Amino acid sequence: GGGVVLTNTTEAAATGTHSLRTTGRTQGFHGPSLNILG
């Protein structure tokens, strides 16, 4: 989605010290995505 920003951050983490933060969403289907073809 246009405007979506992904940032590796240390603001919060489930384990360890890092996580991936998603901001800039304007639609429900916006978010982080991963190509799993193959």
PDB file of all heavy atoms in Angstrom:
ATOM      1  N   GLY A   1       0.818  -1.207   0.000  1.00  0.00           N
ATOM      2  CA  GLY A   1       0.000   0.000   0.000  1.00  0.00           C
ATOM      3  C   GLY A   1       0.848   1.252   0.000  1.00  0.00           C
ATOM      4  O   GLY A   1       1.890   1.325   0.655  1.00  0.00           O
ATOM      5  N   GLY A   2       0.412   2.245  -0.772  1.00  0.00           N
ATOM      6  CA  GLY A   2       1.135   3.496  -0.849  1.00  0.00           C
ATOM      7  C   GLY A   2       1.179   4.211   0.494  1.00  0.00           C
ATOM      8  O   GLY A   2       0.179   4.267   1.213  1.00  0.00           O
ATOM      9  N   GLY A   3       2.326   4.742   0.846  1.00  0.00           N
ATOM     10  CA  GLY A   3       2.481   5.469   2.091  1.00  0.00           C
ATOM     11  C   GLY A   3       2.881   4.620   3.277  1.00  0.00           C
ATOM     12  O   GLY A   3       3.250   5.161   4.334  1.00  0.00           O
ATOM     13  N   VAL A   4       2.802   3.297   3.153  1.00  0.00           N
ATOM     14  CA  VAL A   4       3.171   2.416   4.259  1.00  0.00           C
ATOM     15  C   VAL A   4       4.681   2.461   4.468  1.00  0.00           C
ATOM     16  O   VAL A   4       5.461   2.378   3.514  1.00  0.00           O
ATOM     17  CB  VAL A   4       2.706   0.970   3.992  1.00  0.00           C
ATOM     18  CG1 VAL A   4       3.250   0.020   5.054  1.00  0.00           C
ATOM     19  CG2 VAL A   4       1.185   0.901   3.938  1.00  0.00           C
ATOM     20  N   VAL A   5       5.102   2.605   5.718  1.00  0.00           N
ATOM     21  CA  VAL A   5       6.520   2.667   6.056  1.00  0.00           C
ATOM     22  C   VAL A   5       6.844   1.527   7.020  1.00  0.00           C
ATOM     23  O   VAL A   5       6.175   1.366   8.052  1.00  0.00           O
ATOM     24  CB  VAL A   5       6.892   4.011   6.701  1.00  0.00           C
ATOM     25  CG1 VAL A   5       8.367   4.028   7.103  1.00  0.00           C
ATOM     26  CG2 VAL A   5       6.574   5.157   5.752  1.00  0.00           C
ATOM     27  N   LEU A   6       7.862   0.730   6.674  1.00  0.00           N
ATOM     28  CA  LEU A   6       8.320  -0.348   7.534  1.00  0.00           C
ATOM     29  C   LEU A   6       9.662   0.037   8.138  1.00  0.00           C
ATOM     30  O   LEU A   6      10.590   0.414   7.423  1.00  0.00           O
ATOM     31  CB  LEU A   6       8.461  -1.661   6.751  1.00  0.00           C
ATOM     32  CG  LEU A   6       7.229  -2.152   5.989  1.00  0.00           C
ATOM     33  CD1 LEU A   6       7.521  -3.501   5.347  1.00  0.00           C
ATOM     34  CD2 LEU A   6       6.015  -2.234   6.903  1.00  0.00           C
ATOM     35  N   THR A   7       9.771  -0.089   9.455  1.00  0.00           N
ATOM     36  CA  THR A   7      10.979   0.324  10.161  1.00  0.00           C
ATOM     37  C   THR A   7      11.396  -0.741  11.157  1.00  0.00           C
ATOM     38  O   THR A   7      10.573  -1.179  11.977  1.00  0.00           O
ATOM     39  CB  THR A   7      10.752   1.645  10.919  1.00  0.00           C
ATOM     40  OG1 THR A   7      10.224   2.625  10.035  1.00  0.00           O
ATOM     41  CG2 THR A   7      12.053   2.144  11.524  1.00  0.00           C
ATOM     42  N   ASN A   8      12.641  -1.189  11.085  1.00  0.00           N
ATOM     43  CA  ASN A   8      13.181  -2.053  12.121  1.00  0.00           C
ATOM     44  C   ASN A   8      13.430  -1.181  13.353  1.00  0.00           C
ATOM     45  O   ASN A   8      14.089  -0.148  13.283  1.00  0.00           O
ATOM     46  CB  ASN A   8      14.482  -2.708  11.657  1.00  0.00           C
ATOM     47  CG  ASN A   8      14.968  -3.758  12.636  1.00  0.00           C
ATOM     48  OD1 ASN A   8      15.251  -3.475  13.784  1.00  0.00           O
ATOM     49  ND2 ASN A   8      15.061  -4.995  12.154  1.00  0.00           N
ATOM     50  N   THR A   9      12.875  -1.588  14.496  1.00  0.00           N
ATOM     51  CA  THR A   9      12.898  -0.730  15.667  1.00  0.00           C
ATOM     52  C   THR A   9      13.226  -1.508  16.935  1.00  0.00           C
ATOM     53  O   THR A   9      13.026  -2.737  16.989  1.00  0.00           O
ATOM     54  CB  THR A   9      11.533  -0.029  15.845  1.00  0.00           C
ATOM     55  OG1 THR A   9      11.569   0.832  16.979  1.00  0.00           O
ATOM     56  CG2 THR A   9      10.422  -1.054  16.026  1.00  0.00           C
ATOM     57  N   THR A  10      13.705  -0.784  17.933  1.00  0.00           N
ATOM     58  CA  THR A  10      13.912  -1.366  19.264  1.00  0.00           C
ATOM     59  C   THR A  10      12.898  -0.808  20.266  1.00  0.00           C
ATOM     60  O   THR A  10      13.064  -0.951  21.472  1.00  0.00           O
ATOM     61  CB  THR A  10      15.345  -1.071  19.763  1.00  0.00           C
ATOM     62  OG1 THR A  10      15.556   0.344  19.777  1.00  0.00           O
ATOM     63  CG2 THR A  10      16.382  -1.745  18.879  1.00  0.00           C
ATOM     64  N   GLU A  11      11.841  -0.172  19.779  1.00  0.00           N
ATOM     65  CA  GLU A  11      10.812   0.377  20.674  1.00  0.00           C
ATOM     66  C   GLU A  11      10.109  -0.727  21.465  1.00  0.00           C
ATOM     67  O   GLU A  11       9.729  -0.522  22.621  1.00  0.00           O
ATOM     68  CB  GLU A  11       9.771   1.146  19.860  1.00  0.00           C
ATOM     69  CG  GLU A  11      10.287   2.411  19.216  1.00  0.00           C
ATOM     70  CD  GLU A  11       9.247   3.057  18.316  1.00  0.00           C
ATOM     71  OE1 GLU A  11       8.185   2.433  18.074  1.00  0.00           O
ATOM     72  OE2 GLU A  11       9.500   4.172  17.847  1.00  0.00           O
ATOM     73  N   ALA A  12       9.903  -1.880  20.830  1.00  0.00           N
ATOM     74  CA  ALA A  12       9.206  -2.995  21.469  1.00  0.00           C
ATOM     75  C   ALA A  12       9.634  -4.276  20.779  1.00  0.00           C
ATOM     76  O   ALA A  12       9.999  -4.270  19.593  1.00  0.00           O
ATOM     77  CB  ALA A  12       7.688  -2.820  21.372  1.00  0.00           C
ATOM     78  N   ALA A  13       9.576  -5.377  21.504  1.00  0.00           N
ATOM     79  CA  ALA A  13       9.932  -6.671  20.921  1.00  0.00           C
ATOM     80  C   ALA A  13       9.250  -7.779  21.708  1.00  0.00           C
ATOM     81  O   ALA A  13       9.096  -7.690  22.932  1.00  0.00           O
ATOM     82  CB  ALA A  13      11.445  -6.868  20.919  1.00  0.00           C
ATOM     83  N   ALA A  14       8.827  -8.805  20.995  1.00  0.00           N
ATOM     84  CA  ALA A  14       8.249  -9.973  21.671  1.00  0.00           C
ATOM     85  C   ALA A  14       9.350 -10.768  22.350  1.00  0.00           C
ATOM     86  O   ALA A  14       9.199 -11.235  23.485  1.00  0.00           O
ATOM     87  CB  ALA A  14       7.491 -10.837  20.679  1.00  0.00           C
ATOM     88  N   THR A  15      10.463 -10.941  21.645  1.00  0.00           N
ATOM     89  CA  THR A  15      11.675 -11.534  22.205  1.00  0.00           C
ATOM     90  C   THR A  15      12.851 -10.739  21.659  1.00  0.00           C
ATOM     91  O   THR A  15      12.740 -10.070  20.630  1.00  0.00           O
ATOM     92  CB  THR A  15      11.821 -13.012  21.829  1.00  0.00           C
ATOM     93  OG1 THR A  15      11.874 -13.132  20.403  1.00  0.00           O
ATOM     94  CG2 THR A  15      10.678 -13.841  22.376  1.00  0.00           C
ATOM     95  N   GLY A  16      13.977 -10.836  22.302  1.00  0.00           N
ATOM     96  CA  GLY A  16      15.121 -10.058  21.842  1.00  0.00           C
ATOM     97  C   GLY A  16      14.887  -8.575  22.047  1.00  0.00           C
ATOM     98  O   GLY A  16      14.200  -8.142  22.980  1.00  0.00           O
ATOM     99  N   THR A  17      15.426  -7.769  21.114  1.00  0.00           N
ATOM    100  CA  THR A  17      15.330  -6.309  21.255  1.00  0.00           C
ATOM    101  C   THR A  17      14.730  -5.614  20.050  1.00  0.00           C
ATOM    102  O   THR A  17      14.474  -4.411  20.103  1.00  0.00           O
ATOM    103  CB  THR A  17      16.722  -5.716  21.514  1.00  0.00           C
ATOM    104  OG1 THR A  17      17.613  -6.087  20.432  1.00  0.00           O
ATOM    105  CG2 THR A  17      17.305  -6.232  22.831  1.00  0.00           C
ATOM    106  N   HIS A  18      14.495  -6.336  18.938  1.00  0.00           N
ATOM    107  CA  HIS A  18      14.033  -5.708  17.700  1.00  0.00           C
ATOM    108  C   HIS A  18      12.675  -6.253  17.261  1.00  0.00           C
ATOM    109  O   HIS A  18      12.305  -7.391  17.571  1.00  0.00           O
ATOM    110  CB  HIS A  18      15.046  -5.944  16.571  1.00  0.00           C
ATOM    111  CG  HIS A  18      16.348  -5.230  16.751  1.00  0.00           C
ATOM    112  ND1 HIS A  18      16.685  -4.104  16.030  1.00  0.00           N
ATOM    113  CD2 HIS A  18      17.403  -5.487  17.560  1.00  0.00           C
ATOM    114  CE1 HIS A  18      17.891  -3.698  16.387  1.00  0.00           C
ATOM    115  NE2 HIS A  18      18.352  -4.528  17.322  1.00  0.00           N
ATOM    116  N   SER A  19      11.961  -5.434  16.508  1.00  0.00           N
ATOM    117  CA  SER A  19      10.735  -5.849  15.841  1.00  0.00           C
ATOM    118  C   SER A  19      10.588  -5.010  14.576  1.00  0.00           C
ATOM    119  O   SER A  19      11.388  -4.113  14.315  1.00  0.00           O
ATOM    120  CB  SER A  19       9.515  -5.675  16.754  1.00  0.00           C
ATOM    121  OG  SER A  19       9.299  -4.300  17.055  1.00  0.00           O
ATOM    122  N   LEU A  20       9.540  -5.299  13.791  1.00  0.00           N
ATOM    123  CA  LEU A  20       9.257  -4.532  12.575  1.00  0.00           C
ATOM    124  C   LEU A  20       8.021  -3.674  12.813  1.00  0.00           C
ATOM    125  O   LEU A  20       6.940  -4.198  13.106  1.00  0.00           O
ATOM    126  CB  LEU A  20       9.032  -5.463  11.388  1.00  0.00           C
ATOM    127  CG  LEU A  20       8.881  -4.774  10.027  1.00  0.00           C
ATOM    128  CD1 LEU A  20      10.188  -4.104   9.608  1.00  0.00           C
ATOM    129  CD2 LEU A  20       8.433  -5.779   8.961  1.00  0.00           C
ATOM    130  N   ARG A  21       8.169  -2.334  12.696  1.00  0.00           N
ATOM    131  CA  ARG A  21       7.066  -1.401  12.930  1.00  0.00           C
ATOM    132  C   ARG A  21       6.452  -0.986  11.604  1.00  0.00           C
ATOM    133  O   ARG A  21       7.165  -0.684  10.643  1.00  0.00           O
ATOM    134  CB  ARG A  21       7.561  -0.168  13.675  1.00  0.00           C
ATOM    135  CG  ARG A  21       6.458   0.823  14.047  1.00  0.00           C
ATOM    136  CD  ARG A  21       7.046   2.054  14.715  1.00  0.00           C
ATOM    137  NE  ARG A  21       7.911   2.790  13.788  1.00  0.00           N
ATOM    138  CZ  ARG A  21       8.892   3.608  14.171  1.00  0.00           C
ATOM    139  NH1 ARG A  21       9.158   3.765  15.459  1.00  0.00           N
ATOM    140  NH2 ARG A  21       9.607   4.249  13.276  1.00  0.00           N
ATOM    141  N   THR A  22       5.121  -0.992  11.555  1.00  0.00           N
ATOM    142  CA  THR A  22       4.384  -0.558  10.368  1.00  0.00           C
ATOM    143  C   THR A  22       3.630   0.719  10.692  1.00  0.00           C
ATOM    144  O   THR A  22       2.828   0.753  11.634  1.00  0.00           O
ATOM    145  CB  THR A  22       3.392  -1.645   9.912  1.00  0.00           C
ATOM    146  OG1 THR A  22       4.109  -2.828   9.579  1.00  0.00           O
ATOM    147  CG2 THR A  22       2.602  -1.180   8.693  1.00  0.00           C
ATOM    148  N   THR A  23       3.853   1.770   9.898  1.00  0.00           N
ATOM    149  CA  THR A  23       3.143   3.044  10.054  1.00  0.00           C
ATOM    150  C   THR A  23       2.706   3.520   8.671  1.00  0.00           C
ATOM    151  O   THR A  23       3.077   2.948   7.644  1.00  0.00           O
ATOM    152  CB  THR A  23       4.042   4.111  10.708  1.00  0.00           C
ATOM    153  OG1 THR A  23       5.234   4.267   9.925  1.00  0.00           O
ATOM    154  CG2 THR A  23       4.422   3.704  12.130  1.00  0.00           C
ATOM    155  N   GLY A  24       1.897   4.594   8.650  1.00  0.00           N
ATOM    156  CA  GLY A  24       1.493   5.198   7.388  1.00  0.00           C
ATOM    157  C   GLY A  24       0.358   4.494   6.680  1.00  0.00           C
ATOM    158  O   GLY A  24       0.093   4.762   5.497  1.00  0.00           O
ATOM    159  N   ARG A  25      -0.359   3.602   7.357  1.00  0.00           N
ATOM    160  CA  ARG A  25      -1.470   2.879   6.735  1.00  0.00           C
ATOM    161  C   ARG A  25      -2.683   3.796   6.576  1.00  0.00           C
ATOM    162  O   ARG A  25      -2.994   4.598   7.456  1.00  0.00           O
ATOM    163  CB  ARG A  25      -1.852   1.659   7.568  1.00  0.00           C
ATOM    164  CG  ARG A  25      -0.748   0.640   7.728  1.00  0.00           C
ATOM    165  CD  ARG A  25      -1.137  -0.506   8.677  1.00  0.00           C
ATOM    166  NE  ARG A  25      -2.283  -1.257   8.165  1.00  0.00           N
ATOM    167  CZ  ARG A  25      -3.507  -1.191   8.671  1.00  0.00           C
ATOM    168  NH1 ARG A  25      -3.761  -0.381   9.705  1.00  0.00           N
ATOM    169  NH2 ARG A  25      -4.487  -1.902   8.147  1.00  0.00           N
ATOM    170  N   THR A  26      -3.393   3.608   5.460  1.00  0.00           N
ATOM    171  CA  THR A  26      -4.630   4.359   5.234  1.00  0.00           C
ATOM    172  C   THR A  26      -5.784   3.450   4.787  1.00  0.00           C
ATOM    173  O   THR A  26      -6.900   3.921   4.571  1.00  0.00           O
ATOM    174  CB  THR A  26      -4.422   5.448   4.169  1.00  0.00           C
ATOM    175  OG1 THR A  26      -3.946   4.851   2.958  1.00  0.00           O
ATOM    176  CG2 THR A  26      -3.422   6.490   4.654  1.00  0.00           C
ATOM    177  N   GLN A  27      -5.494   2.155   4.620  1.00  0.00           N
ATOM    178  CA  GLN A  27      -6.516   1.179   4.226  1.00  0.00           C
ATOM    179  C   GLN A  27      -6.336  -0.081   5.075  1.00  0.00           C
ATOM    180  O   GLN A  27      -5.223  -0.395   5.519  1.00  0.00           O
ATOM    181  CB  GLN A  27      -6.394   0.809   2.740  1.00  0.00           C
ATOM    182  CG  GLN A  27      -6.607   1.950   1.771  1.00  0.00           C
ATOM    183  CD  GLN A  27      -8.064   2.370   1.678  1.00  0.00           C
ATOM    184  OE1 GLN A  27      -8.960   1.609   2.049  1.00  0.00           O
ATOM    185  NE2 GLN A  27      -8.308   3.587   1.198  1.00  0.00           N
ATOM    186  N   GLY A  28      -7.435  -0.783   5.269  1.00  0.00           N
ATOM    187  CA  GLY A  28      -7.360  -1.995   6.076  1.00  0.00           C
ATOM    188  C   GLY A  28      -6.385  -3.016   5.540  1.00  0.00           C
ATOM    189  O   GLY A  28      -5.733  -3.734   6.302  1.00  0.00           O
ATOM    190  N   PHE A  29      -6.268  -3.118   4.215  1.00  0.00           N
ATOM    191  CA  PHE A  29      -5.410  -4.136   3.616  1.00  0.00           C
ATOM    192  C   PHE A  29      -3.952  -3.685   3.498  1.00  0.00           C
ATOM    193  O   PHE A  29      -3.117  -4.425   2.975  1.00  0.00           O
ATOM    194  CB  PHE A  29      -5.941  -4.542   2.236  1.00  0.00           C
ATOM    195  CG  PHE A  29      -6.128  -3.396   1.285  1.00  0.00           C
ATOM    196  CD1 PHE A  29      -5.059  -2.885   0.570  1.00  0.00           C
ATOM    197  CD2 PHE A  29      -7.381  -2.827   1.111  1.00  0.00           C
ATOM    198  CE1 PHE A  29      -5.226  -1.830  -0.310  1.00  0.00           C
ATOM    199  CE2 PHE A  29      -7.562  -1.762   0.237  1.00  0.00           C
ATOM    200  CZ  PHE A  29      -6.480  -1.263  -0.478  1.00  0.00           C
ATOM    201  N   HIS A  30      -3.635  -2.494   3.962  1.00  0.00           N
ATOM    202  CA  HIS A  30      -2.241  -2.041   3.982  1.00  0.00           C
ATOM    203  C   HIS A  30      -1.493  -2.726   5.126  1.00  0.00           C
ATOM    204  O   HIS A  30      -2.075  -3.019   6.170  1.00  0.00           O
ATOM    205  CB  HIS A  30      -2.174  -0.532   4.164  1.00  0.00           C
ATOM    206  CG  HIS A  30      -2.580   0.242   2.954  1.00  0.00           C
ATOM    207  ND1 HIS A  30      -2.656   1.615   2.946  1.00  0.00           N
ATOM    208  CD2 HIS A  30      -2.940  -0.156   1.711  1.00  0.00           C
ATOM    209  CE1 HIS A  30      -3.044   2.036   1.750  1.00  0.00           C
ATOM    210  NE2 HIS A  30      -3.232   0.970   0.994  1.00  0.00           N
ATOM    211  N   GLY A  31      -0.198  -2.936   4.934  1.00  0.00           N
ATOM    212  CA  GLY A  31       0.594  -3.522   6.004  1.00  0.00           C
ATOM    213  C   GLY A  31       1.903  -4.085   5.489  1.00  0.00           C
ATOM    214  O   GLY A  31       2.252  -3.936   4.301  1.00  0.00           O
ATOM    215  N   PRO A  32       2.645  -4.749   6.340  1.00  0.00           N
ATOM    216  CA  PRO A  32       3.882  -5.398   5.899  1.00  0.00           C
ATOM    217  C   PRO A  32       3.541  -6.663   5.121  1.00  0.00           C
ATOM    218  O   PRO A  32       2.595  -7.384   5.457  1.00  0.00           O
ATOM    219  CB  PRO A  32       4.580  -5.728   7.222  1.00  0.00           C
ATOM    220  CG  PRO A  32       3.465  -5.909   8.201  1.00  0.00           C
ATOM    221  CD  PRO A  32       2.394  -4.950   7.778  1.00  0.00           C
ATOM    222  N   SER A  33       4.313  -6.937   4.085  1.00  0.00           N
ATOM    223  CA  SER A  33       4.029  -8.101   3.244  1.00  0.00           C
ATOM    224  C   SER A  33       5.313  -8.846   2.927  1.00  0.00           C
ATOM    225  O   SER A  33       6.409  -8.275   2.946  1.00  0.00           O
ATOM    226  CB  SER A  33       3.323  -7.690   1.952  1.00  0.00           C
ATOM    227  OG  SER A  33       4.172  -6.888   1.147  1.00  0.00           O
ATOM    228  N   LEU A  34       5.157 -10.132   2.622  1.00  0.00           N
ATOM    229  CA  LEU A  34       6.296 -11.000   2.339  1.00  0.00           C
ATOM    230  C   LEU A  34       5.960 -11.884   1.148  1.00  0.00           C
ATOM    231  O   LEU A  34       4.935 -12.574   1.142  1.00  0.00           O
ATOM    232  CB  LEU A  34       6.617 -11.868   3.557  1.00  0.00           C
ATOM    233  CG  LEU A  34       7.862 -12.753   3.474  1.00  0.00           C
ATOM    234  CD1 LEU A  34       9.124 -11.892   3.465  1.00  0.00           C
ATOM    235  CD2 LEU A  34       7.894 -13.743   4.639  1.00  0.00           C
ATOM    236  N   ASN A  35       6.811 -11.852   0.135  1.00  0.00           N
ATOM    237  CA  ASN A  35       6.619 -12.695  -1.043  1.00  0.00           C
ATOM    238  C   ASN A  35       7.013 -14.127  -0.697  1.00  0.00           C
ATOM    239  O   ASN A  35       8.174 -14.404  -0.408  1.00  0.00           O
ATOM    240  CB  ASN A  35       7.464 -12.170  -2.207  1.00  0.00           C
ATOM    241  CG  ASN A  35       7.222 -12.943  -3.497  1.00  0.00           C
ATOM    242  OD1 ASN A  35       6.445 -13.897  -3.532  1.00  0.00           O
ATOM    243  ND2 ASN A  35       7.887 -12.524  -4.563  1.00  0.00           N
ATOM    244  N   ILE A  36       6.046 -15.047  -0.702  1.00  0.00           N
ATOM    245  CA  ILE A  36       6.333 -16.440  -0.358  1.00  0.00           C
ATOM    246  C   ILE A  36       6.179 -17.357  -1.569  1.00  0.00           C
ATOM    247  O   ILE A  36       6.159 -18.583  -1.415  1.00  0.00           O
ATOM    248  CB  ILE A  36       5.441 -16.908   0.810  1.00  0.00           C
ATOM    249  CG1 ILE A  36       3.956 -16.682   0.503  1.00  0.00           C
ATOM    250  CG2 ILE A  36       5.846 -16.210   2.092  1.00  0.00           C
ATOM    251  CD1 ILE A  36       3.025 -17.255   1.563  1.00  0.00           C
ATOM    252  N   LEU A  37       6.082 -16.779  -2.770  1.00  0.00           N
ATOM    253  CA  LEU A  37       6.059 -17.596  -3.980  1.00  0.00           C
ATOM    254  C   LEU A  37       7.409 -18.292  -4.112  1.00  0.00           C
ATOM    255  O   LEU A  37       8.460 -17.660  -4.024  1.00  0.00           O
ATOM    256  CB  LEU A  37       5.796 -16.729  -5.209  1.00  0.00           C
ATOM    257  CG  LEU A  37       5.723 -17.469  -6.550  1.00  0.00           C
ATOM    258  CD1 LEU A  37       4.513 -18.394  -6.578  1.00  0.00           C
ATOM    259  CD2 LEU A  37       5.651 -16.471  -7.714  1.00  0.00           C
ATOM    260  N   GLY A  38       7.394 -19.575  -4.310  1.00  0.00           N
ATOM    261  CA  GLY A  38       8.632 -20.337  -4.380  1.00  0.00           C
ATOM    262  C   GLY A  38       9.094 -20.846  -3.032  1.00  0.00           C
ATOM    263  O   GLY A  38      10.000 -21.682  -2.957  1.00  0.00           O
TER     264      GLY A  38
END
